[in-house]
C-alpha atoms as a PDB file:
ATOM      1  CA  MET A   1     -19.930  -1.095   8.854  1.00  0.00           C
ATOM      2  CA  LYS A   2     -16.762  -1.210   6.775  1.00  0.00           C
ATOM      3  CA  PHE A   3     -14.527   1.816   6.146  1.00  0.00           C
ATOM      4  CA  GLN A   4     -15.523   2.028   2.486  1.00  0.00           C
ATOM      5  CA  GLN A   5     -19.248   2.020   3.316  1.00  0.00           C
ATOM      6  CA  ALA A   6     -18.804   4.605   6.084  1.00  0.00           C
ATOM      7  CA  THR A   7     -16.773   6.842   3.780  1.00  0.00           C
ATOM      8  CA  GLU A   8     -19.222   6.621   0.894  1.00  0.00           C
ATOM      9  CA  SER A   9     -22.092   7.429   3.306  1.00  0.00           C
ATOM     10  CA  THR A  10     -20.370  10.505   4.754  1.00  0.00           C
ATOM     11  CA  PRO A  11     -21.341  13.902   3.311  1.00  0.00           C
ATOM     12  CA  GLY A  12     -18.450  15.355   1.322  1.00  0.00           C
ATOM     13  CA  LEU A  13     -16.651  12.006   0.992  1.00  0.00           C
ATOM     14  CA  GLU A  14     -19.103  10.102  -1.214  1.00  0.00           C
ATOM     15  CA  GLU A  15     -16.579   9.904  -4.073  1.00  0.00           C
ATOM     16  CA  ALA A  16     -13.340  10.151  -2.045  1.00  0.00           C
ATOM     17  CA  TYR A  17     -12.669   6.489  -1.182  1.00  0.00           C
ATOM     18  CA  ARG A  18      -9.702   4.867  -2.954  1.00  0.00           C
ATOM     19  CA  ILE A  19      -8.323   1.324  -2.739  1.00  0.00           C
ATOM     20  CA  GLY A  20      -5.098   0.878  -0.754  1.00  0.00           C
ATOM     21  CA  LEU A  21      -3.066   4.091  -0.573  1.00  0.00           C
ATOM     22  CA  GLN A  22      -4.341   5.512  -3.871  1.00  0.00           C
ATOM     23  CA  ALA A  23      -5.801   8.612  -2.160  1.00  0.00           C
ATOM     24  CA  LEU A  24      -2.335   9.703  -1.010  1.00  0.00           C
ATOM     25  CA  ARG A  25      -0.160  12.005  -3.077  1.00  0.00           C
ATOM     26  CA  ALA A  26       2.889  10.303  -4.625  1.00  0.00           C
ATOM     27  CA  GLU A  27       5.276  12.210  -2.348  1.00  0.00           C
ATOM     28  CA  ASP A  28       3.373  11.041   0.765  1.00  0.00           C
ATOM     29  CA  LYS A  29       3.221   7.309   0.034  1.00  0.00           C
ATOM     30  CA  PRO A  30       6.851   6.622   1.090  1.00  0.00           C
ATOM     31  CA  HIS A  31       5.908   7.896   4.570  1.00  0.00           C
ATOM     32  CA  ILE A  32       3.558   4.922   5.088  1.00  0.00           C
ATOM     33  CA  ASN A  33       5.031   1.478   5.781  1.00  0.00           C
ATOM     34  CA  ALA A  34       2.414  -1.254   6.221  1.00  0.00           C
ATOM     35  CA  ALA A  35       3.486  -4.679   7.459  1.00  0.00           C
ATOM     36  CA  ASN A  36       1.130  -6.259   4.942  1.00  0.00           C
ATOM     37  CA  THR A  37       0.039  -4.126   1.997  1.00  0.00           C
ATOM     38  CA  ARG A  38      -2.843  -6.546   1.332  1.00  0.00           C
ATOM     39  CA  SER A  39      -4.295  -5.489   4.686  1.00  0.00           C
ATOM     40  CA  LEU A  40      -4.551  -1.862   3.556  1.00  0.00           C
ATOM     41  CA  ARG A  41      -8.286  -1.535   2.976  1.00  0.00           C
ATOM     42  CA  GLY A  42      -8.500   1.955   1.570  1.00  0.00           C
ATOM     43  CA  SER A  43      -7.735   5.626   1.940  1.00  0.00           C
ATOM     44  CA  VAL A  44      -9.358   9.030   1.650  1.00  0.00           C
ATOM     45  CA  ASP A  45      -7.864  12.445   0.946  1.00  0.00           C
ATOM     46  CA  ILE A  46      -9.841  14.470   3.510  1.00  0.00           C
ATOM     47  CA  ASP A  47      -7.989  17.700   2.683  1.00  0.00           C
ATOM     48  CA  ALA A  48      -8.840  17.561  -1.024  1.00  0.00           C
ATOM     49  CA  ALA A  49     -12.452  16.534  -0.369  1.00  0.00           C
ATOM     50  CA  PHE A  50     -13.116  19.578   1.820  1.00  0.00           C
ATOM     51  CA  GLN A  51     -10.922  22.156   0.100  1.00  0.00           C
ATOM     52  CA  THR A  52     -13.846  23.735  -1.766  1.00  0.00           C
ATOM     53  CA  ILE A  53     -16.278  23.462   1.164  1.00  0.00           C
ATOM     54  CA  GLU A  54     -13.868  24.814   3.811  1.00  0.00           C
ATOM     55  CA  PRO A  55     -11.080  26.596   1.880  1.00  0.00           C
ATOM     56  CA  HIS A  56      -9.688  28.491   4.881  1.00  0.00           C
ATOM     57  CA  ALA A  57      -9.946  25.726   7.492  1.00  0.00           C
ATOM     58  CA  ASN A  58      -6.997  23.837   8.940  1.00  0.00           C
ATOM     59  CA  ARG A  59      -8.172  20.562   7.372  1.00  0.00           C
ATOM     60  CA  TRP A  60      -6.763  17.106   8.145  1.00  0.00           C
ATOM     61  CA  ASP A  61      -4.922  15.239   5.368  1.00  0.00           C
ATOM     62  CA  PHE A  62      -5.779  11.536   5.131  1.00  0.00           C
ATOM     63  CA  ALA A  63      -7.616   8.543   6.526  1.00  0.00           C
ATOM     64  CA  ILE A  64      -6.115   5.086   5.955  1.00  0.00           C
ATOM     65  CA  ALA A  65      -7.977   1.889   6.861  1.00  0.00           C
ATOM     66  CA  TYR A  66      -6.027  -1.230   7.818  1.00  0.00           C
ATOM     67  CA  LYS A  67      -7.249  -4.704   8.830  1.00  0.00           C
ATOM     68  CA  HIS A  68      -4.943  -5.997  11.575  1.00  0.00           C
ATOM     69  CA  THR A  69      -4.744  -9.779  11.977  1.00  0.00           C
ATOM     70  CA  ASN A  70      -5.767  -9.564  15.650  1.00  0.00           C
ATOM     71  CA  ARG A  71      -8.843  -7.345  15.094  1.00  0.00           C
ATOM     72  CA  ASP A  72     -12.276  -8.169  13.676  1.00  0.00           C
ATOM     73  CA  ASP A  73     -12.819  -4.663  12.364  1.00  0.00           C
ATOM     74  CA  GLU A  74     -10.694  -2.258  10.380  1.00  0.00           C
ATOM     75  CA  CYS A  75      -8.676   0.415  12.177  1.00  0.00           C
ATOM     76  CA  VAL A  76      -8.364   3.926  10.815  1.00  0.00           C
ATOM     77  CA  TYR A  77      -5.127   5.873  10.867  1.00  0.00           C
ATOM     78  CA  TRP A  78      -5.889   9.573  10.567  1.00  0.00           C
ATOM     79  CA  VAL A  79      -2.627  10.848   9.080  1.00  0.00           C
ATOM     80  CA  GLU A  80      -1.392  14.429   8.802  1.00  0.00           C
ATOM     81  CA  MET A  81       1.712  14.861   6.630  1.00  0.00           C
ATOM     82  CA  HIS A  82       3.247  18.092   7.844  1.00  0.00           C
ATOM     83  CA  THR A  83       6.573  19.760   8.500  1.00  0.00           C
ATOM     84  CA  ALA A  84       7.800  18.976  12.012  1.00  0.00           C
ATOM     85  CA  ALA A  85       9.116  22.262  13.333  1.00  0.00           C
ATOM     86  CA  ASP A  86       8.380  24.119  16.568  1.00  0.00           C
ATOM     87  CA  SER A  87       6.469  26.772  14.647  1.00  0.00           C
ATOM     88  CA  GLU A  88       4.136  24.125  13.145  1.00  0.00           C
ATOM     89  CA  VAL A  89       3.001  22.349  16.332  1.00  0.00           C
ATOM     90  CA  LYS A  90       0.096  24.767  16.863  1.00  0.00           C
ATOM     91  CA  VAL A  91      -0.997  24.364  13.232  1.00  0.00           C
ATOM     92  CA  VAL A  92      -1.107  20.563  13.480  1.00  0.00           C
ATOM     93  CA  ILE A  93      -2.989  20.784  16.795  1.00  0.00           C
ATOM     94  CA  LYS A  94      -5.563  23.043  15.071  1.00  0.00           C
ATOM     95  CA  LYS A  95      -5.861  20.445  12.300  1.00  0.00           C
ATOM     96  CA  ALA A  96      -6.411  17.689  14.900  1.00  0.00           C
ATOM     97  CA  MET A  97      -9.081  19.826  16.572  1.00  0.00           C
ATOM     98  CA  TRP A  98     -10.756  20.292  13.165  1.00  0.00           C
ATOM     99  CA  LEU A  99     -10.686  16.505  12.681  1.00  0.00           C
ATOM    100  CA  ARG A 100     -12.153  15.808  16.141  1.00  0.00           C
ATOM    101  CA  ASN A 101     -14.950  18.322  15.550  1.00  0.00           C
ATOM    102  CA  TRP A 102     -15.652  16.918  12.086  1.00  0.00           C
ATOM    103  CA  LEU A 103     -15.795  13.354  13.489  1.00  0.00           C
ATOM    104  CA  LYS A 104     -18.346  14.459  16.113  1.00  0.00           C
ATOM    105  CA  ASN A 105     -20.564  15.979  13.438  1.00  0.00           C
ATOM    106  CA  THR A 106     -20.395  15.245   9.714  1.00  0.00           C
ATOM    107  CA  GLY A 107     -17.902  12.363  10.019  1.00  0.00           C
ATOM    108  CA  LYS A 108     -19.687  10.506  12.819  1.00  0.00           C
ATOM    109  CA  LEU A 109     -19.903   7.248  10.818  1.00  0.00           C
ATOM    110  CA  LEU A 110     -16.101   7.183  10.759  1.00  0.00           C
ATOM    111  CA  ALA A 111     -15.783   8.054  14.456  1.00  0.00           C
ATOM    112  CA  ASP A 112     -16.764   4.540  15.550  1.00  0.00           C
ATOM    113  CA  PHE A 113     -13.632   2.884  14.167  1.00  0.00           C
ATOM    114  CA  GLU A 114     -10.679   2.119  16.407  1.00  0.00           C
ATOM    115  CA  CYS A 115      -8.153   4.737  15.386  1.00  0.00           C
ATOM    116  CA  ASP A 116      -4.940   6.680  15.846  1.00  0.00           C
ATOM    117  CA  ILE A 117      -4.530  10.362  15.031  1.00  0.00           C
ATOM    118  CA  VAL A 118      -1.007  10.582  13.685  1.00  0.00           C
ATOM    119  CA  TRP A 119       1.327  13.363  12.623  1.00  0.00           C
ATOM    120  CA  VAL A 120       4.019  12.189  10.200  1.00  0.00           C
ATOM    121  CA  SER A 121       6.909  14.514   9.366  1.00  0.00           C
ATOM    122  CA  SER A 122       6.857  15.352   5.681  1.00  0.00           C
ATOM    123  CA  GLY A 123      10.394  16.686   5.785  1.00  0.00           C
ATOM    124  CA  ALA A 124      13.148  17.231   8.292  1.00  0.00           C
ATOM    125  CA  THR A 125      12.123  17.007  11.946  1.00  0.00           C
ATOM    126  CA  SER A 126      13.445  19.976  13.873  1.00  0.00           C
ATOM    127  CA  PHE A 127      11.372  20.403  16.982  1.00  0.00           C
ATOM    128  CA  THR A 128      11.444  19.557  20.634  1.00  0.00           C
ATOM    129  CA  LEU A 129       8.111  19.356  22.325  1.00  0.00           C
ATOM    130  CA  SER A 130       7.827  21.486  25.417  1.00  0.00           C
ATOM    131  CA  ALA A 131       5.549  20.345  28.243  1.00  0.00           C
ATOM    132  CA  PRO A 132       2.640  22.601  27.132  1.00  0.00           C
ATOM    133  CA  GLN A 133       2.887  21.313  23.550  1.00  0.00           C
ATOM    134  CA  GLN A 134       2.890  17.696  24.711  1.00  0.00           C
ATOM    135  CA  LYS A 135      -0.160  18.348  26.871  1.00  0.00           C
ATOM    136  CA  GLN A 136      -2.015  20.055  24.007  1.00  0.00           C
ATOM    137  CA  MET A 137      -1.210  17.185  21.637  1.00  0.00           C
ATOM    138  CA  ALA A 138      -2.370  14.631  24.215  1.00  0.00           C
ATOM    139  CA  GLN A 139      -5.647  16.514  24.733  1.00  0.00           C
ATOM    140  CA  VAL A 140      -6.581  16.014  21.082  1.00  0.00           C
ATOM    141  CA  GLY A 141      -5.137  12.480  20.948  1.00  0.00           C
ATOM    142  CA  LEU A 142      -2.371  13.468  18.544  1.00  0.00           C
ATOM    143  CA  GLN A 143       0.737  11.289  18.230  1.00  0.00           C
ATOM    144  CA  HIS A 144       3.914  12.260  16.374  1.00  0.00           C
ATOM    145  CA  ARG A 145       5.419   9.220  14.618  1.00  0.00           C
ATOM    146  CA  GLY A 146       8.515  10.673  12.992  1.00  0.00           C
ATOM    147  CA  SER A 147       8.934  10.559   9.223  1.00  0.00           C
ATOM    148  CA  VAL A 148       7.300   7.141   8.657  1.00  0.00           C
ATOM    149  CA  LEU A 149       4.062   5.659   9.963  1.00  0.00           C
ATOM    150  CA  ARG A 150       4.765   1.978  10.526  1.00  0.00           C
ATOM    151  CA  ILE A 151       1.547  -0.027  10.586  1.00  0.00           C
ATOM    152  CA  PRO A 152       2.156  -3.423  12.217  1.00  0.00           C
ATOM    153  CA  ASP A 153       0.370  -6.622  11.228  1.00  0.00           C
ATOM    154  CA  LYS A 154      -1.025  -6.905  14.766  1.00  0.00           C
ATOM    155  CA  ARG A 155      -2.360  -3.966  16.724  1.00  0.00           C
ATOM    156  CA  GLY A 156      -1.193  -3.587  20.318  1.00  0.00           C
ATOM    157  CA  GLY A 157      -3.487  -3.084  23.300  1.00  0.00           C
END
């Protein structure tokens, strides 16, 4: 199944799929750097889609699908644009936990894609991860990528 089909078949996201990076807010697009923009398959604004359904939840921001030249299937980059400060680490971990839970339940069609769960700094980065924070981020599969997510043409591993 392709990302677009999985998205359109997922409750709450039926109308959320956009071509390329069109689901991202204008201020967030500069934080994504794809090696080949033609390989960007589509995006979804998860936060906006679930704002009415779960207004008080720590919702995840975006999903971006990319077709790497060395993969048969699309990969999904689950991207959270968020301030990178010590005080915000727990918030982003809660958002990653929300995403993981959502993928196990309502978003299960999207859980089968090879993926990365990525935190991209939306502003200045002013934190140093302590050992407990690093462990908590690793437990939910969360990676901090600085202020720009660089998506290579070929996927490692």
